[in-house]
Amino acid sequence: MRKLTMLALLTGTLLMGGCWGEKETKVEKDSGQEAKGQHYTFPLTGKQTNERPEQRSIAVVMNNHPQARPQTGLAEADIVYEVLVEGNMTRFLAIYQSEQPKEAGPVRSARDYFIDLAEGYDSLFIAHGYSPEAKERLFSGEVDQINGIQHDGTIFERDSSRKAPHNSYVQFDKVQEKAEEKGYGMEEMPDRLNFLKSSDAVADAGQNASSVQVNYSTKPAFQVEYKYDPDKKSYERFVGEEQQFDRKTKEAIRANNVFIIEAEHRVTDGEGRLDIDLSSGGNAYLLQNGVVHTAEWSNVDGRILPFKDGAPMGFVKGKTWINIIPASKGLDKMVALRNN
């Protein structure tokens, strides 16, 4: 499936009957004050807010080594990608817009595919370190970025109770200050995702699946499971048998959408670094409300989005986790669906 444009996505969505979600009330930016009772919508969760959410998204490369767990700040992210890196381990790209933690981490080094994913949301890109390919792109001026290599001990603080490289935490208030200093615009929101209307966000044609397991490795440390909680209408995340919580807030890691896609992975060097094809599209599962939908994915202006028979699918309002797995093994071998 070739890469689609946002115009094509919008056209297809309108033909589906406008499933972009409820229309939000508009207020002129120069009105001086907000009209009483106005509601706005966060673009990456579809949730309503009483304040205008004029905030650029921030993408943070997050460490997922066992020594980096539990992480801080994952629960606040609107979208989290989980992607393989060298050593058959995974790493996260956490994208923040509706919420921002005080700090997030441990932060880890960039790979070029993390930059690609962040650019899909025009995010300020945060990492601590970089591969040679990522370094070249980051310092070419292609992307607004702040890196711990240049700002260790200031914007990035070390936790003395953990060992490097599993102890670097980015401070969000200092990110804002440095972004202003660098002249990075931080008020333009990303384009809104496609969300189902509340009346449509129910279990429809699909297979019941109360849990899904994604086996990145034969080792339990990288065997991920999402278990559906019907009371909270969200998926709780587990690694092995251990439920994941935020280190500081103790909040459980939850997702309203779990999107699992297969993409071609290729080892590019002696260090085991990967090239991942995030452009060609492929097979996918989309889990919502305890139901799994067989789907396809396509890259739409840098965003990995779900489709069914060529038509765009909507996300349930809330947080989204996207797991990217190698197509060589694929959904059949790496993903196990259960309905307990």
Protein backbone atom coordinates (compact mmCIF):
# COMPACT_ATOMS: atom_id res chain seq x y z
CA MET A 1 0.00 0.00 0.00
CA ARG A 2 1.59 3.23 -1.05
CA LYS A 3 1.97 6.17 1.23
CA LEU A 4 -1.23 8.22 1.36
CA THR A 5 -1.63 11.95 1.69
CA MET A 6 -3.65 13.66 4.39
CA LEU A 7 -5.99 14.93 1.66
CA ALA A 8 -6.77 11.37 0.59
CA LEU A 9 -7.41 10.40 4.20
CA LEU A 10 -9.74 13.31 4.75
CA THR A 11 -11.65 12.55 1.55
CA GLY A 12 -12.10 8.92 2.53
CA THR A 13 -13.19 9.90 6.01
CA LEU A 14 -15.82 12.32 4.76
CA LEU A 15 -17.23 9.61 2.55
CA MET A 16 -17.61 7.46 5.66
CA GLY A 17 -19.97 9.97 7.17
CA GLY A 18 -17.69 12.28 9.07
CA CYS A 19 -16.28 9.96 11.74
CA TRP A 20 -13.71 12.55 12.79
CA GLY A 21 -15.77 12.93 15.98
CA GLU A 22 -17.96 15.66 17.37
CA LYS A 23 -17.32 19.08 15.93
CA GLU A 24 -15.68 21.36 18.43
CA THR A 25 -16.84 24.93 19.06
CA LYS A 26 -14.56 27.56 17.54
CA VAL A 27 -13.50 30.81 19.20
CA GLU A 28 -11.43 33.47 17.49
CA LYS A 29 -7.86 33.57 18.76
CA ASP A 30 -7.95 37.32 19.29
CA SER A 31 -11.25 37.42 21.21
CA GLY A 32 -9.44 38.38 24.42
CA GLN A 33 -11.20 35.84 26.62
CA GLU A 34 -12.81 32.45 26.30
CA ALA A 35 -16.57 32.36 25.97
CA LYS A 36 -18.25 30.70 28.92
CA GLY A 37 -18.96 27.01 28.40
CA GLN A 38 -16.72 26.54 25.36
CA HIS A 39 -15.31 23.07 24.74
CA TYR A 40 -12.22 22.10 22.78
CA THR A 41 -10.76 18.77 21.78
CA PHE A 42 -7.27 17.43 22.32
CA PRO A 43 -6.03 16.41 18.85
CA LEU A 44 -4.29 13.16 19.81
CA THR A 45 -6.81 11.76 22.32
CA GLY A 46 -10.12 13.22 21.13
CA LYS A 47 -10.92 14.13 24.75
CA GLN A 48 -12.65 17.39 25.52
CA THR A 49 -11.17 20.23 27.51
CA ASN A 50 -12.41 23.64 28.64
CA GLU A 51 -9.12 25.32 27.75
CA ARG A 52 -7.75 25.84 24.28
CA PRO A 53 -5.05 23.13 23.89
CA GLU A 54 -2.50 25.25 22.04
CA GLN A 55 0.53 23.10 22.73
CA ARG A 56 2.99 21.54 20.34
CA SER A 57 3.56 17.83 20.85
CA ILE A 58 6.81 16.62 22.39
CA ALA A 59 8.25 13.20 21.48
CA VAL A 60 10.62 11.48 23.92
CA VAL A 61 12.72 8.39 23.17
CA MET A 62 12.25 6.23 26.27
CA ASN A 63 14.46 3.46 27.60
CA ASN A 64 12.83 0.01 28.00
CA HIS A 65 15.77 -2.01 29.28
CA PRO A 66 14.75 -4.03 32.37
CA GLN A 67 17.09 -1.83 34.45
CA ALA A 68 15.14 1.24 33.28
CA ARG A 69 11.82 -0.03 34.64
CA PRO A 70 9.49 1.21 35.92
CA GLN A 71 9.61 4.29 33.71
CA THR A 72 8.44 7.76 34.66
CA GLY A 73 5.92 9.69 32.56
CA LEU A 74 4.61 6.93 30.29
CA ALA A 75 1.10 7.13 31.73
CA GLU A 76 0.73 10.75 30.56
CA ALA A 77 1.69 10.12 26.92
CA ASP A 78 -1.10 10.40 24.32
CA ILE A 79 0.60 7.98 21.91
CA VAL A 80 3.39 5.49 22.59
CA TYR A 81 5.23 3.53 19.91
CA GLU A 82 7.09 0.39 20.96
CA VAL A 83 9.80 -0.51 18.46
CA LEU A 84 12.74 -2.91 18.31
CA VAL A 85 16.31 -1.68 18.52
CA GLU A 86 19.54 -3.67 18.45
CA GLY A 87 19.94 -6.53 20.89
CA ASN A 88 16.36 -7.73 20.33
CA MET A 89 15.16 -5.17 22.87
CA THR A 90 12.45 -2.57 22.46
CA ARG A 91 12.42 1.16 23.02
CA PHE A 92 9.53 3.62 23.26
CA LEU A 93 8.69 6.87 21.52
CA ALA A 94 6.26 8.65 23.85
CA ILE A 95 4.33 11.58 22.34
CA TYR A 96 2.88 14.17 24.73
CA GLN A 97 0.30 16.82 23.94
CA SER A 98 -2.78 16.70 26.20
CA GLU A 99 -0.67 16.09 29.32
CA GLN A 100 2.92 16.71 30.32
CA PRO A 101 4.66 15.06 33.25
CA LYS A 102 7.12 16.94 35.42
CA GLU A 103 9.81 14.64 34.09
CA ALA A 104 10.04 11.63 31.77
CA GLY A 105 12.51 8.84 31.39
CA PRO A 106 14.87 7.20 31.47
CA VAL A 107 15.59 8.84 28.11
CA ARG A 108 17.62 6.89 25.58
CA SER A 109 19.35 7.47 22.26
CA ALA A 110 17.68 8.19 18.93
CA ARG A 111 17.35 6.02 15.85
CA ASP A 112 16.31 7.45 12.50
CA TYR A 113 12.91 5.71 12.55
CA PHE A 114 12.07 7.43 15.85
CA ILE A 115 12.71 10.74 14.10
CA ASP A 116 10.35 9.69 11.29
CA LEU A 117 7.59 8.84 13.74
CA ALA A 118 8.01 12.09 15.67
CA GLU A 119 7.91 14.15 12.48
CA GLY A 120 4.46 12.72 11.72
CA TYR A 121 3.19 14.88 14.58
CA ASP A 122 5.61 17.79 14.03
CA SER A 123 6.93 17.05 17.52
CA LEU A 124 9.84 18.61 19.33
CA PHE A 125 12.20 15.62 19.45
CA ILE A 126 13.87 14.62 22.72
CA ALA A 127 16.54 11.93 23.09
CA HIS A 128 19.80 11.27 24.92
CA GLY A 129 22.31 10.13 22.34
CA TYR A 130 21.97 9.04 18.72
CA SER A 131 23.04 6.52 16.13
CA PRO A 132 25.31 7.89 13.35
CA GLU A 133 22.35 8.14 10.95
CA ALA A 134 20.15 9.85 13.52
CA LYS A 135 22.92 12.29 14.49
CA GLU A 136 23.33 13.39 10.89
CA ARG A 137 19.62 14.12 10.57
CA LEU A 138 19.27 15.82 13.95
CA PHE A 139 22.10 18.24 13.30
CA SER A 140 21.12 18.96 9.71
CA GLY A 141 18.34 21.24 10.95
CA GLU A 142 15.68 18.84 9.66
CA VAL A 143 13.93 18.59 13.02
CA ASP A 144 13.61 20.74 16.15
CA GLN A 145 15.41 18.76 18.83
CA ILE A 146 17.03 18.80 22.26
CA ASN A 147 19.50 16.07 23.17
CA GLY A 148 21.01 14.91 26.43
CA ILE A 149 24.50 14.72 24.93
CA GLN A 150 24.57 18.52 24.84
CA HIS A 151 22.41 19.12 27.94
CA ASP A 152 23.32 16.42 30.44
CA GLY A 153 23.08 17.76 33.99
CA THR A 154 20.83 20.68 33.04
CA ILE A 155 17.71 19.84 30.99
CA PHE A 156 18.48 16.18 31.64
CA GLU A 157 19.03 15.12 35.24
CA ARG A 158 20.62 11.89 36.45
CA ASP A 159 18.99 9.66 39.07
CA SER A 160 21.77 8.53 41.41
CA SER A 161 19.81 5.41 42.41
CA ARG A 162 20.21 3.99 38.89
CA LYS A 163 23.21 3.34 36.68
CA ALA A 164 23.89 5.00 33.32
CA PRO A 165 22.60 4.76 30.65
CA HIS A 166 19.38 3.96 32.51
CA ASN A 167 19.15 7.09 34.67
CA SER A 168 18.65 10.18 32.46
CA TYR A 169 15.37 12.07 32.95
CA VAL A 170 14.23 15.05 30.89
CA GLN A 171 12.70 17.96 32.82
CA PHE A 172 9.70 19.32 30.93
CA ASP A 173 9.77 22.84 32.37
CA LYS A 174 13.38 23.19 31.24
CA VAL A 175 12.47 21.82 27.80
CA GLN A 176 10.04 24.70 27.36
CA GLU A 177 12.68 27.23 28.37
CA LYS A 178 15.29 25.79 26.01
CA ALA A 179 12.78 25.58 23.15
CA GLU A 180 12.03 29.28 23.53
CA GLU A 181 15.75 30.04 23.66
CA LYS A 182 16.28 28.11 20.42
CA GLY A 183 13.35 29.84 18.74
CA TYR A 184 11.26 26.69 18.40
CA GLY A 185 7.55 27.40 18.11
CA MET A 186 5.68 25.51 20.82
CA GLU A 187 2.06 26.62 20.42
CA GLU A 188 0.93 24.96 17.19
CA MET A 189 -1.05 21.79 17.79
CA PRO A 190 -0.64 18.70 15.62
CA ASP A 191 -3.42 17.85 13.19
CA ARG A 192 -6.26 15.95 14.77
CA LEU A 193 -6.49 12.16 14.54
CA ASN A 194 -9.59 10.34 13.30
CA PHE A 195 -11.81 9.48 16.29
CA LEU A 196 -15.06 7.59 16.50
CA LYS A 197 -18.10 9.38 17.80
CA SER A 198 -19.11 8.22 21.25
CA SER A 199 -22.21 6.58 19.80
CA ASP A 200 -20.04 4.57 17.38
CA ALA A 201 -17.35 3.56 19.88
CA VAL A 202 -18.89 0.18 20.66
CA ALA A 203 -17.89 -3.37 19.89
CA ASP A 204 -18.89 -4.05 16.29
CA ALA A 205 -17.91 -6.63 13.70
CA GLY A 206 -14.79 -8.18 15.09
CA GLN A 207 -13.49 -11.00 17.23
CA ASN A 208 -13.77 -10.76 21.00
CA ALA A 209 -10.30 -10.60 22.54
CA SER A 210 -9.93 -9.91 26.24
CA SER A 211 -6.13 -9.88 25.97
CA VAL A 212 -3.33 -9.83 23.42
CA GLN A 213 0.29 -10.83 23.85
CA VAL A 214 3.13 -9.48 21.70
CA ASN A 215 6.25 -11.63 21.97
CA TYR A 216 9.24 -9.55 20.91
CA SER A 217 11.50 -12.15 22.47
CA THR A 218 11.47 -15.61 23.99
CA LYS A 219 12.53 -13.86 27.21
CA PRO A 220 9.69 -12.70 29.51
CA ALA A 221 11.35 -9.26 29.80
CA PHE A 222 10.11 -8.45 26.29
CA GLN A 223 6.83 -10.32 26.22
CA VAL A 224 4.11 -7.68 26.33
CA GLU A 225 0.48 -8.27 27.19
CA TYR A 226 -2.53 -5.96 27.13
CA LYS A 227 -5.52 -7.07 29.23
CA TYR A 228 -8.90 -5.44 28.69
CA ASP A 229 -10.61 -3.94 31.74
CA PRO A 230 -14.34 -3.62 30.87
CA ASP A 231 -15.05 -1.40 33.88
CA LYS A 232 -12.55 1.24 32.78
CA LYS A 233 -12.89 0.45 29.06
CA SER A 234 -9.15 0.35 28.59
CA TYR A 235 -6.26 -2.08 28.33
CA GLU A 236 -3.81 -2.59 31.17
CA ARG A 237 -0.24 -3.25 30.10
CA PHE A 238 1.87 -6.10 31.46
CA VAL A 239 5.44 -7.26 30.80
CA GLY A 240 5.77 -10.93 31.59
CA GLU A 241 3.46 -11.36 34.57
CA GLU A 242 4.13 -7.90 35.97
CA GLN A 243 1.67 -5.05 35.49
CA GLN A 244 3.33 -1.78 34.48
CA PHE A 245 2.97 1.33 36.61
CA ASP A 246 4.46 4.80 36.54
CA ARG A 247 7.44 4.99 38.87
CA LYS A 248 6.50 8.34 40.42
CA THR A 249 2.69 8.49 40.29
CA LYS A 250 2.10 4.72 40.63
CA GLU A 251 -0.57 5.12 37.94
CA ALA A 252 -1.22 1.99 35.87
CA ILE A 253 -0.15 2.14 32.22
CA ARG A 254 -3.34 1.97 30.15
CA ALA A 255 -4.39 2.28 26.52
CA ASN A 256 -7.78 2.75 24.88
CA ASN A 257 -6.42 1.63 21.52
CA VAL A 258 -3.81 -1.06 20.91
CA PHE A 259 -2.57 -1.03 17.31
CA ILE A 260 -0.15 -3.79 16.29
CA ILE A 261 1.50 -3.60 12.88
CA GLU A 262 4.04 -5.68 10.99
CA ALA A 263 6.80 -3.95 9.01
CA GLU A 264 9.98 -5.08 7.27
CA HIS A 265 13.07 -4.97 9.54
CA ARG A 266 16.64 -5.15 8.20
CA VAL A 267 19.92 -5.21 10.12
CA THR A 268 22.20 -2.49 8.74
CA ASP A 269 25.51 -2.76 10.60
CA GLY A 270 27.70 -4.85 12.88
CA GLU A 271 26.11 -3.28 15.94
CA GLY A 272 22.76 -4.78 14.98
CA ARG A 273 21.08 -1.46 14.25
CA LEU A 274 17.90 -1.72 12.22
CA ASP A 275 16.28 -0.15 9.22
CA ILE A 276 12.48 -0.40 9.52
CA ASP A 277 10.20 0.17 6.54
CA LEU A 278 7.51 2.51 7.86
CA SER A 279 6.29 3.56 4.41
CA SER A 280 5.00 0.49 2.59
CA GLY A 281 2.05 -0.50 4.77
CA GLY A 282 0.98 -3.98 5.74
CA ASN A 283 -1.14 -6.15 8.00
CA ALA A 284 -2.30 -5.06 11.42
CA TYR A 285 -4.56 -5.69 14.40
CA LEU A 286 -6.56 -2.91 16.05
CA LEU A 287 -7.91 -3.66 19.51
CA GLN A 288 -10.66 -1.52 21.01
CA ASN A 289 -13.34 -2.20 23.63
CA GLY A 290 -12.32 -5.83 24.03
CA VAL A 291 -12.62 -6.55 20.31
CA VAL A 292 -9.84 -7.16 17.77
CA HIS A 293 -10.22 -5.92 14.20
CA THR A 294 -8.15 -7.35 11.37
CA ALA A 295 -6.85 -4.28 9.57
CA GLU A 296 -4.11 -2.80 7.42
CA TRP A 297 -1.83 0.08 8.20
CA SER A 298 -0.62 2.89 6.01
CA ASN A 299 1.77 5.79 6.47
CA VAL A 300 -0.25 8.99 6.14
CA ASP A 301 2.07 12.00 6.19
CA GLY A 302 4.33 10.26 8.69
CA ARG A 303 1.59 8.77 10.85
CA ILE A 304 0.95 5.04 11.17
CA LEU A 305 -2.85 4.75 10.83
CA PRO A 306 -5.40 1.90 10.56
CA PHE A 307 -7.47 1.09 7.47
CA LYS A 308 -10.06 -1.54 6.58
CA ASP A 309 -10.56 -2.43 2.91
CA GLY A 310 -8.92 0.86 1.96
CA ALA A 311 -11.11 3.03 4.22
CA PRO A 312 -9.73 4.80 7.31
CA MET A 313 -10.69 3.44 10.72
CA GLY A 314 -11.33 5.62 13.74
CA PHE A 315 -9.62 5.43 17.11
CA VAL A 316 -11.58 5.25 20.36
CA LYS A 317 -11.05 8.47 22.29
CA GLY A 318 -8.18 8.16 24.69
CA LYS A 319 -4.59 6.95 24.66
CA THR A 320 -3.05 4.78 21.94
CA TRP A 321 -0.18 2.29 22.02
CA ILE A 322 1.32 1.18 18.70
CA ASN A 323 3.50 -1.94 18.65
CA ILE A 324 5.69 -2.44 15.56
CA ILE A 325 6.86 -6.03 14.92
CA PRO A 326 9.00 -7.62 12.17
CA ALA A 327 7.03 -8.79 9.13
CA SER A 328 9.38 -11.79 8.80
CA LYS A 329 7.66 -13.30 11.84
CA GLY A 330 4.46 -11.32 11.62
CA LEU A 331 1.17 -11.29 13.45
CA ASP A 332 0.68 -15.06 13.20
CA LYS A 333 3.90 -15.93 15.05
CA MET A 334 4.49 -12.96 17.36
CA VAL A 335 0.95 -12.09 18.48
CA ALA A 336 -1.39 -14.26 20.55
CA LEU A 337 -5.05 -13.28 20.98
CA ARG A 338 -7.09 -14.62 23.88
CA ASN A 339 -10.70 -14.39 24.98
CA ASN A 340 -10.94 -15.55 28.58
